[in-house]
Amino acid sequence: MPTIGRISSLLVPAVALAFATSSVSGCHRESVDDYLAAGDSAMQANKLPDAEHQYSEAAKTAPNDPRVHVALNCMARGCPRLPQEPFEADKLDAQLDRQAKEFYNEKRNVDPQPDKQTVRLSQILQFYTEDFTKKAPSLIAYVNKYRDDKIPAGWKVDFIPYDWILNAQ
């Protein structure tokens, strides 16, 4: 089973090798397990995994923990920021908390609009609503677990469209 860090670390060089594509969703499709088993030879042959499939496979490594959705980086602009350190088993809980706090406090991922009593959330929360609402009664309640400035519970939720364009940085 692929690990969180392995997924992110393999996608970065794989996308770099095939930078002819401008969107992660334009990558060749093949299974994560096949990709990981092939390792370096797959990357050298310019075979890229489907980022969405890779993401869902990695999410299985941390069942029932929606923080994984804001820890994985798929090289698209809409992805969470790439962590500055590898994920380690003995530090994983603290690392996932740190990633969640960073993600939910960034305006690009959580954009409160007090004049409209609305909060715009990253579309990642729409993609995986069921995972987040297993841990809190609503998306706002889940996000508030990690936010410095809490969002009022009665606000409307809209979603920020996910940006699949490759991140140039």
N, C-alpha and C. Protein backbone atom coordinates (compact mmCIF):
# COMPACT_ATOMS: atom_id res chain seq x y z
N MET A 1 0.85 -1.18 0.00
CA MET A 1 0.00 0.00 0.00
C MET A 1 0.90 1.24 0.00
N PRO A 2 0.64 2.18 -0.88
CA PRO A 2 1.46 3.39 -0.93
C PRO A 2 1.28 4.25 0.30
N THR A 3 2.35 4.92 0.72
CA THR A 3 2.27 5.81 1.87
C THR A 3 2.05 7.24 1.41
N ILE A 4 1.64 8.10 2.34
CA ILE A 4 1.36 9.49 2.02
C ILE A 4 2.60 10.16 1.42
N GLY A 5 3.73 10.03 2.09
CA GLY A 5 4.96 10.66 1.60
C GLY A 5 5.42 10.10 0.28
N ARG A 6 5.26 8.78 0.09
CA ARG A 6 5.69 8.15 -1.17
C ARG A 6 4.87 8.66 -2.34
N ILE A 7 3.57 8.83 -2.13
CA ILE A 7 2.71 9.33 -3.20
C ILE A 7 3.19 10.70 -3.66
N SER A 8 3.36 11.63 -2.71
CA SER A 8 3.79 12.98 -3.07
C SER A 8 5.18 12.97 -3.68
N SER A 9 6.10 12.18 -3.11
CA SER A 9 7.48 12.20 -3.60
C SER A 9 7.61 11.58 -4.98
N LEU A 10 6.76 10.63 -5.34
CA LEU A 10 6.83 10.05 -6.67
C LEU A 10 6.15 10.91 -7.72
N LEU A 11 5.11 11.63 -7.33
CA LEU A 11 4.41 12.45 -8.32
C LEU A 11 5.25 13.64 -8.76
N VAL A 12 6.02 14.22 -7.84
CA VAL A 12 6.82 15.40 -8.18
C VAL A 12 7.78 15.11 -9.34
N PRO A 13 8.67 14.09 -9.22
CA PRO A 13 9.58 13.84 -10.35
C PRO A 13 8.85 13.31 -11.58
N ALA A 14 7.77 12.57 -11.38
CA ALA A 14 7.04 12.05 -12.53
C ALA A 14 6.46 13.17 -13.37
N VAL A 15 5.87 14.15 -12.71
CA VAL A 15 5.32 15.29 -13.45
C VAL A 15 6.45 16.09 -14.09
N ALA A 16 7.55 16.23 -13.38
CA ALA A 16 8.69 16.96 -13.94
C ALA A 16 9.21 16.30 -15.21
N LEU A 17 9.20 14.97 -15.25
CA LEU A 17 9.66 14.25 -16.43
C LEU A 17 8.73 14.43 -17.63
N ALA A 18 7.48 14.70 -17.36
CA ALA A 18 6.50 14.83 -18.44
C ALA A 18 5.88 16.19 -18.44
N PHE A 19 6.68 17.22 -18.25
CA PHE A 19 6.17 18.57 -18.08
C PHE A 19 5.47 19.09 -19.34
N ALA A 20 5.39 18.27 -20.37
CA ALA A 20 4.68 18.69 -21.59
C ALA A 20 3.20 18.87 -21.31
N THR A 21 2.69 18.26 -20.27
CA THR A 21 1.29 18.45 -19.92
C THR A 21 1.17 19.67 -19.01
N SER A 22 0.08 20.38 -19.10
CA SER A 22 -0.09 21.57 -18.26
C SER A 22 -1.07 21.33 -17.12
N SER A 23 -1.62 20.11 -17.06
CA SER A 23 -2.59 19.81 -16.02
C SER A 23 -2.34 18.41 -15.49
N VAL A 24 -2.45 18.24 -14.18
CA VAL A 24 -2.26 16.92 -13.59
C VAL A 24 -3.29 15.95 -14.13
N SER A 25 -4.49 16.42 -14.40
CA SER A 25 -5.53 15.52 -14.90
C SER A 25 -5.22 15.02 -16.31
N GLY A 26 -4.21 15.58 -16.97
CA GLY A 26 -3.83 15.13 -18.30
C GLY A 26 -2.81 14.01 -18.29
N CYS A 27 -2.42 13.50 -17.11
CA CYS A 27 -1.43 12.44 -17.01
C CYS A 27 -2.00 11.12 -17.51
N HIS A 28 -1.10 10.25 -17.97
CA HIS A 28 -1.51 8.91 -18.40
C HIS A 28 -2.16 8.17 -17.25
N ARG A 29 -3.07 7.27 -17.55
CA ARG A 29 -3.75 6.53 -16.50
C ARG A 29 -3.15 5.14 -16.35
N GLU A 30 -2.79 4.79 -15.14
CA GLU A 30 -2.43 3.44 -14.78
C GLU A 30 -2.54 3.34 -13.27
N SER A 31 -2.61 2.13 -12.75
CA SER A 31 -2.86 1.99 -11.31
C SER A 31 -1.66 2.41 -10.48
N VAL A 32 -1.94 2.87 -9.28
CA VAL A 32 -0.89 3.29 -8.36
C VAL A 32 0.01 2.11 -8.02
N ASP A 33 -0.60 0.97 -7.74
CA ASP A 33 0.20 -0.19 -7.38
C ASP A 33 1.15 -0.57 -8.51
N ASP A 34 0.68 -0.55 -9.75
CA ASP A 34 1.56 -0.84 -10.88
C ASP A 34 2.66 0.20 -10.98
N TYR A 35 2.30 1.46 -10.78
CA TYR A 35 3.28 2.54 -10.86
C TYR A 35 4.34 2.39 -9.79
N LEU A 36 3.91 2.15 -8.55
CA LEU A 36 4.87 2.01 -7.46
C LEU A 36 5.75 0.78 -7.66
N ALA A 37 5.17 -0.31 -8.15
CA ALA A 37 5.95 -1.52 -8.37
C ALA A 37 7.00 -1.30 -9.45
N ALA A 38 6.66 -0.53 -10.45
CA ALA A 38 7.61 -0.27 -11.54
C ALA A 38 8.68 0.72 -11.12
N GLY A 39 8.37 1.57 -10.12
CA GLY A 39 9.36 2.49 -9.55
C GLY A 39 10.03 3.39 -10.56
N ASP A 40 11.35 3.46 -10.46
CA ASP A 40 12.12 4.36 -11.31
C ASP A 40 11.95 4.07 -12.79
N SER A 41 11.84 2.80 -13.15
CA SER A 41 11.72 2.48 -14.58
C SER A 41 10.43 3.06 -15.15
N ALA A 42 9.37 3.08 -14.35
CA ALA A 42 8.11 3.68 -14.83
C ALA A 42 8.28 5.17 -15.06
N MET A 43 8.98 5.84 -14.11
CA MET A 43 9.18 7.28 -14.29
C MET A 43 10.07 7.54 -15.49
N GLN A 44 11.11 6.74 -15.66
CA GLN A 44 12.02 6.94 -16.78
C GLN A 44 11.31 6.70 -18.11
N ALA A 45 10.33 5.80 -18.09
CA ALA A 45 9.56 5.52 -19.30
C ALA A 45 8.45 6.54 -19.51
N ASN A 46 8.40 7.53 -18.62
CA ASN A 46 7.43 8.61 -18.73
C ASN A 46 5.99 8.13 -18.55
N LYS A 47 5.79 7.12 -17.72
CA LYS A 47 4.44 6.65 -17.40
C LYS A 47 3.98 7.35 -16.13
N LEU A 48 2.94 8.11 -16.23
CA LEU A 48 2.44 8.86 -15.07
C LEU A 48 1.15 8.26 -14.54
N PRO A 49 0.99 8.23 -13.22
CA PRO A 49 -0.26 7.74 -12.65
C PRO A 49 -1.35 8.79 -12.79
N ASP A 50 -2.56 8.34 -12.73
CA ASP A 50 -3.68 9.27 -12.67
C ASP A 50 -3.69 9.85 -11.26
N ALA A 51 -3.58 11.16 -11.14
CA ALA A 51 -3.44 11.79 -9.83
C ALA A 51 -4.62 11.51 -8.91
N GLU A 52 -5.82 11.51 -9.47
CA GLU A 52 -7.00 11.26 -8.64
C GLU A 52 -6.97 9.86 -8.05
N HIS A 53 -6.62 8.86 -8.88
CA HIS A 53 -6.56 7.49 -8.40
C HIS A 53 -5.46 7.35 -7.36
N GLN A 54 -4.33 7.97 -7.63
CA GLN A 54 -3.20 7.93 -6.72
C GLN A 54 -3.60 8.53 -5.37
N TYR A 55 -4.31 9.62 -5.43
CA TYR A 55 -4.76 10.31 -4.22
C TYR A 55 -5.67 9.40 -3.40
N SER A 56 -6.64 8.78 -4.04
CA SER A 56 -7.58 7.95 -3.29
C SER A 56 -6.89 6.72 -2.72
N GLU A 57 -5.91 6.17 -3.44
CA GLU A 57 -5.14 5.04 -2.91
C GLU A 57 -4.36 5.47 -1.66
N ALA A 58 -3.75 6.63 -1.72
CA ALA A 58 -2.97 7.11 -0.57
C ALA A 58 -3.88 7.38 0.61
N ALA A 59 -5.08 7.88 0.34
CA ALA A 59 -6.02 8.17 1.42
C ALA A 59 -6.39 6.90 2.18
N LYS A 60 -6.31 5.76 1.51
CA LYS A 60 -6.61 4.49 2.17
C LYS A 60 -5.55 4.14 3.21
N THR A 61 -4.38 4.76 3.15
CA THR A 61 -3.33 4.45 4.13
C THR A 61 -3.65 5.07 5.48
N ALA A 62 -4.55 6.01 5.54
CA ALA A 62 -4.94 6.63 6.80
C ALA A 62 -6.47 6.60 6.88
N PRO A 63 -7.05 5.39 6.95
CA PRO A 63 -8.51 5.31 6.94
C PRO A 63 -9.11 6.10 8.11
N ASN A 64 -10.23 6.71 7.82
CA ASN A 64 -10.97 7.47 8.83
C ASN A 64 -10.24 8.71 9.33
N ASP A 65 -9.26 9.19 8.59
CA ASP A 65 -8.56 10.41 8.99
C ASP A 65 -8.57 11.39 7.82
N PRO A 66 -9.55 12.30 7.80
CA PRO A 66 -9.66 13.21 6.67
C PRO A 66 -8.51 14.21 6.56
N ARG A 67 -7.65 14.29 7.56
CA ARG A 67 -6.50 15.20 7.46
C ARG A 67 -5.60 14.81 6.29
N VAL A 68 -5.65 13.54 5.88
CA VAL A 68 -4.81 13.10 4.78
C VAL A 68 -5.16 13.88 3.49
N HIS A 69 -6.40 14.31 3.36
CA HIS A 69 -6.83 15.04 2.17
C HIS A 69 -6.16 16.40 2.04
N VAL A 70 -5.67 16.94 3.16
CA VAL A 70 -4.98 18.23 3.10
C VAL A 70 -3.48 18.07 3.33
N ALA A 71 -3.00 16.83 3.25
CA ALA A 71 -1.57 16.56 3.41
C ALA A 71 -0.93 16.14 2.10
N LEU A 72 -1.71 15.59 1.18
CA LEU A 72 -1.15 15.12 -0.09
C LEU A 72 -1.02 16.25 -1.09
N ASN A 73 0.06 16.23 -1.83
CA ASN A 73 0.29 17.24 -2.87
C ASN A 73 0.37 16.53 -4.20
N CYS A 74 -0.48 16.93 -5.14
CA CYS A 74 -0.51 16.29 -6.47
C CYS A 74 0.10 17.17 -7.55
N MET A 75 0.76 18.24 -7.14
CA MET A 75 1.45 19.15 -8.07
C MET A 75 0.52 20.12 -8.80
N ALA A 76 -0.76 20.10 -8.50
CA ALA A 76 -1.68 21.06 -9.10
C ALA A 76 -1.79 22.27 -8.17
N ARG A 77 -2.15 23.41 -8.73
CA ARG A 77 -2.27 24.64 -7.94
C ARG A 77 -3.29 24.52 -6.81
N GLY A 78 -4.32 23.72 -7.01
CA GLY A 78 -5.36 23.57 -6.00
C GLY A 78 -4.97 22.65 -4.85
N CYS A 79 -3.84 21.98 -4.96
CA CYS A 79 -3.39 21.03 -3.93
C CYS A 79 -2.94 21.75 -2.67
N PRO A 80 -2.94 21.01 -1.57
CA PRO A 80 -2.31 21.54 -0.36
C PRO A 80 -0.82 21.79 -0.63
N ARG A 81 -0.23 22.66 0.15
CA ARG A 81 1.19 22.94 -0.01
C ARG A 81 2.02 21.70 0.30
N LEU A 82 3.13 21.56 -0.40
CA LEU A 82 4.03 20.44 -0.18
C LEU A 82 4.70 20.60 1.18
N PRO A 83 4.60 19.60 2.05
CA PRO A 83 5.23 19.71 3.37
C PRO A 83 6.75 19.89 3.24
N GLN A 84 7.34 20.55 4.22
CA GLN A 84 8.77 20.81 4.20
C GLN A 84 9.59 19.66 4.77
N GLU A 85 8.91 18.61 5.25
CA GLU A 85 9.60 17.45 5.79
C GLU A 85 8.84 16.20 5.39
N PRO A 86 9.52 15.05 5.34
CA PRO A 86 8.81 13.81 5.00
C PRO A 86 7.89 13.39 6.16
N PHE A 87 6.82 12.71 5.84
CA PHE A 87 5.95 12.18 6.88
C PHE A 87 6.64 10.99 7.53
N GLU A 88 6.58 10.94 8.86
CA GLU A 88 7.21 9.86 9.61
C GLU A 88 6.17 9.29 10.57
N ALA A 89 6.17 7.97 10.71
CA ALA A 89 5.15 7.28 11.50
C ALA A 89 5.05 7.83 12.92
N ASP A 90 6.18 8.06 13.58
CA ASP A 90 6.14 8.50 14.97
C ASP A 90 5.74 9.96 15.13
N LYS A 91 5.72 10.71 14.03
CA LYS A 91 5.34 12.12 14.07
C LYS A 91 4.06 12.41 13.28
N LEU A 92 3.46 11.37 12.70
CA LEU A 92 2.40 11.56 11.72
C LEU A 92 1.22 12.37 12.27
N ASP A 93 0.77 12.08 13.48
CA ASP A 93 -0.38 12.80 14.03
C ASP A 93 -0.10 14.30 14.11
N ALA A 94 1.05 14.67 14.63
CA ALA A 94 1.42 16.09 14.75
C ALA A 94 1.62 16.71 13.36
N GLN A 95 2.21 15.96 12.44
CA GLN A 95 2.43 16.48 11.09
C GLN A 95 1.10 16.72 10.37
N LEU A 96 0.14 15.80 10.51
CA LEU A 96 -1.17 15.98 9.88
C LEU A 96 -1.92 17.15 10.50
N ASP A 97 -1.80 17.31 11.82
CA ASP A 97 -2.41 18.48 12.47
C ASP A 97 -1.82 19.77 11.93
N ARG A 98 -0.51 19.82 11.79
CA ARG A 98 0.16 21.02 11.28
C ARG A 98 -0.29 21.32 9.85
N GLN A 99 -0.38 20.29 9.02
CA GLN A 99 -0.84 20.48 7.64
C GLN A 99 -2.28 20.99 7.61
N ALA A 100 -3.13 20.42 8.46
CA ALA A 100 -4.53 20.85 8.51
C ALA A 100 -4.64 22.30 8.96
N LYS A 101 -3.89 22.68 9.98
CA LYS A 101 -3.93 24.07 10.46
C LYS A 101 -3.47 25.03 9.37
N GLU A 102 -2.40 24.67 8.68
CA GLU A 102 -1.91 25.53 7.60
C GLU A 102 -2.96 25.65 6.49
N PHE A 103 -3.51 24.52 6.09
CA PHE A 103 -4.48 24.49 4.99
C PHE A 103 -5.72 25.32 5.31
N TYR A 104 -6.31 25.11 6.48
CA TYR A 104 -7.58 25.76 6.81
C TYR A 104 -7.44 27.21 7.22
N ASN A 105 -6.22 27.67 7.41
CA ASN A 105 -6.00 29.09 7.72
C ASN A 105 -5.53 29.89 6.51
N GLU A 106 -5.40 29.25 5.37
CA GLU A 106 -5.04 29.95 4.14
C GLU A 106 -6.29 30.43 3.42
N LYS A 107 -6.29 31.68 3.02
CA LYS A 107 -7.46 32.26 2.34
C LYS A 107 -7.78 31.55 1.02
N ARG A 108 -6.78 30.99 0.37
CA ARG A 108 -7.04 30.28 -0.89
C ARG A 108 -7.86 29.01 -0.68
N ASN A 109 -7.92 28.51 0.58
CA ASN A 109 -8.64 27.29 0.89
C ASN A 109 -9.91 27.53 1.70
N VAL A 110 -9.91 28.57 2.49
CA VAL A 110 -11.08 28.94 3.31
C VAL A 110 -11.21 30.45 3.22
N ASP A 111 -12.24 30.90 2.52
CA ASP A 111 -12.42 32.33 2.27
C ASP A 111 -13.74 32.81 2.87
N PRO A 112 -13.69 33.32 4.11
CA PRO A 112 -14.91 33.83 4.75
C PRO A 112 -15.38 35.11 4.06
N GLN A 113 -16.68 35.22 3.86
CA GLN A 113 -17.28 36.41 3.26
C GLN A 113 -18.39 36.88 4.19
N PRO A 114 -18.00 37.65 5.23
CA PRO A 114 -18.97 38.05 6.27
C PRO A 114 -20.17 38.82 5.72
N ASP A 115 -19.96 39.65 4.70
CA ASP A 115 -21.07 40.43 4.15
C ASP A 115 -22.16 39.54 3.55
N LYS A 116 -21.80 38.34 3.14
CA LYS A 116 -22.76 37.40 2.55
C LYS A 116 -23.11 36.26 3.51
N GLN A 117 -22.49 36.27 4.69
CA GLN A 117 -22.63 35.17 5.64
C GLN A 117 -22.38 33.83 4.95
N THR A 118 -21.28 33.81 4.20
CA THR A 118 -20.89 32.65 3.38
C THR A 118 -19.41 32.38 3.60
N VAL A 119 -19.05 31.13 3.54
CA VAL A 119 -17.64 30.77 3.51
C VAL A 119 -17.41 29.94 2.25
N ARG A 120 -16.37 30.30 1.53
CA ARG A 120 -15.97 29.53 0.35
C ARG A 120 -14.86 28.58 0.79
N LEU A 121 -15.06 27.28 0.55
CA LEU A 121 -14.12 26.26 0.95
C LEU A 121 -13.47 25.62 -0.27
N SER A 122 -12.24 25.17 -0.10
CA SER A 122 -11.57 24.42 -1.16
C SER A 122 -12.48 23.28 -1.61
N GLN A 123 -12.48 23.03 -2.90
CA GLN A 123 -13.33 21.97 -3.44
C GLN A 123 -12.90 20.58 -2.93
N ILE A 124 -11.73 20.48 -2.33
CA ILE A 124 -11.32 19.23 -1.70
C ILE A 124 -12.38 18.80 -0.67
N LEU A 125 -12.95 19.78 0.03
CA LEU A 125 -13.98 19.46 1.02
C LEU A 125 -15.27 18.97 0.37
N GLN A 126 -15.53 19.41 -0.84
CA GLN A 126 -16.69 18.90 -1.57
C GLN A 126 -16.42 17.49 -2.09
N PHE A 127 -15.20 17.26 -2.60
CA PHE A 127 -14.83 15.95 -3.12
C PHE A 127 -14.98 14.87 -2.05
N TYR A 128 -14.62 15.20 -0.82
CA TYR A 128 -14.55 14.21 0.26
C TYR A 128 -15.44 14.59 1.45
N THR A 129 -16.59 15.20 1.18
CA THR A 129 -17.50 15.64 2.24
C THR A 129 -17.79 14.53 3.24
N GLU A 130 -18.06 13.34 2.74
CA GLU A 130 -18.41 12.23 3.62
C GLU A 130 -17.30 11.94 4.64
N ASP A 131 -16.05 12.02 4.20
CA ASP A 131 -14.93 11.76 5.12
C ASP A 131 -14.88 12.82 6.22
N PHE A 132 -15.05 14.09 5.84
CA PHE A 132 -14.97 15.18 6.83
C PHE A 132 -16.14 15.15 7.80
N THR A 133 -17.33 14.86 7.29
CA THR A 133 -18.51 14.90 8.16
C THR A 133 -18.65 13.64 9.01
N LYS A 134 -17.77 12.68 8.87
CA LYS A 134 -17.71 11.56 9.82
C LYS A 134 -17.04 12.01 11.12
N LYS A 135 -16.28 13.10 11.04
CA LYS A 135 -15.52 13.59 12.20
C LYS A 135 -16.11 14.85 12.82
N ALA A 136 -17.12 15.42 12.17
CA ALA A 136 -17.77 16.64 12.68
C ALA A 136 -19.17 16.71 12.06
N PRO A 137 -20.09 17.42 12.71
CA PRO A 137 -21.47 17.47 12.20
C PRO A 137 -21.63 18.23 10.88
N SER A 138 -20.66 19.06 10.52
CA SER A 138 -20.75 19.83 9.27
C SER A 138 -19.34 20.15 8.79
N LEU A 139 -19.24 20.60 7.55
CA LEU A 139 -17.93 21.02 7.03
C LEU A 139 -17.38 22.20 7.82
N ILE A 140 -18.25 23.15 8.16
CA ILE A 140 -17.80 24.31 8.93
C ILE A 140 -17.26 23.86 10.29
N ALA A 141 -17.96 22.94 10.94
CA ALA A 141 -17.50 22.45 12.24
C ALA A 141 -16.15 21.76 12.11
N TYR A 142 -15.96 21.01 11.04
CA TYR A 142 -14.67 20.33 10.84
C TYR A 142 -13.56 21.36 10.62
N VAL A 143 -13.78 22.30 9.72
CA VAL A 143 -12.79 23.33 9.42
C VAL A 143 -12.43 24.12 10.69
N ASN A 144 -13.42 24.43 11.50
CA ASN A 144 -13.21 25.22 12.72
C ASN A 144 -12.30 24.53 13.73
N LYS A 145 -12.17 23.21 13.63
CA LYS A 145 -11.26 22.49 14.53
C LYS A 145 -9.81 22.95 14.34
N TYR A 146 -9.51 23.48 13.15
CA TYR A 146 -8.13 23.84 12.81
C TYR A 146 -7.94 25.33 12.54
N ARG A 147 -9.02 26.09 12.47
CA ARG A 147 -8.91 27.52 12.16
C ARG A 147 -8.64 28.36 13.38
N ASP A 148 -7.85 29.42 13.17
CA ASP A 148 -7.63 30.41 14.24
C ASP A 148 -8.88 31.27 14.40
N ASP A 149 -9.42 31.75 13.28
CA ASP A 149 -10.64 32.58 13.29
C ASP A 149 -11.81 31.69 12.87
N LYS A 150 -12.67 31.37 13.81
CA LYS A 150 -13.77 30.43 13.57
C LYS A 150 -14.82 31.01 12.63
N ILE A 151 -15.42 30.14 11.85
CA ILE A 151 -16.51 30.50 10.93
C ILE A 151 -17.83 30.25 11.66
N PRO A 152 -18.77 31.20 11.64
CA PRO A 152 -20.07 30.98 12.29
C PRO A 152 -20.78 29.75 11.70
N ALA A 153 -21.33 28.94 12.57
CA ALA A 153 -21.94 27.67 12.18
C ALA A 153 -23.08 27.81 11.18
N GLY A 154 -23.82 28.91 11.23
CA GLY A 154 -24.99 29.06 10.36
C GLY A 154 -24.70 29.60 8.97
N TRP A 155 -23.45 29.86 8.66
CA TRP A 155 -23.12 30.42 7.35
C TRP A 155 -23.33 29.40 6.24
N LYS A 156 -23.60 29.94 5.05
CA LYS A 156 -23.73 29.14 3.84
C LYS A 156 -22.33 28.72 3.38
N VAL A 157 -22.24 27.55 2.75
CA VAL A 157 -20.98 27.05 2.21
C VAL A 157 -21.03 27.04 0.69
N ASP A 158 -20.04 27.64 0.07
CA ASP A 158 -19.80 27.54 -1.37
C ASP A 158 -18.41 26.93 -1.54
N PHE A 159 -18.10 26.49 -2.74
CA PHE A 159 -16.81 25.86 -2.96
C PHE A 159 -15.98 26.63 -3.97
N ILE A 160 -14.70 26.71 -3.68
CA ILE A 160 -13.72 27.34 -4.58
C ILE A 160 -13.37 26.29 -5.63
N PRO A 161 -13.57 26.57 -6.91
CA PRO A 161 -13.26 25.57 -7.94
C PRO A 161 -11.80 25.11 -7.83
N TYR A 162 -11.60 23.80 -7.93
CA TYR A 162 -10.27 23.21 -7.84
C TYR A 162 -9.46 23.58 -9.07
N ASP A 163 -8.24 24.00 -8.87
CA ASP A 163 -7.35 24.40 -9.96
C ASP A 163 -6.41 23.24 -10.28
N TRP A 164 -6.65 22.58 -11.43
CA TRP A 164 -5.86 21.42 -11.84
C TRP A 164 -4.60 21.81 -12.62
N ILE A 165 -4.38 23.09 -12.89
CA ILE A 165 -3.19 23.51 -13.63
C ILE A 165 -1.95 23.18 -12.80
N LEU A 166 -0.91 22.70 -13.45
CA LEU A 166 0.33 22.37 -12.73
C LEU A 166 0.90 23.59 -12.05
N ASN A 167 1.36 23.40 -10.84
CA ASN A 167 2.01 24.44 -10.08
C ASN A 167 3.43 24.58 -10.61
N ALA A 168 3.81 25.78 -11.02
CA ALA A 168 5.13 25.99 -11.62
C ALA A 168 6.22 26.11 -10.57
N GLN A 169 5.88 26.18 -9.28
CA GLN A 169 6.90 26.32 -8.23
C GLN A 169 7.19 25.01 -7.56
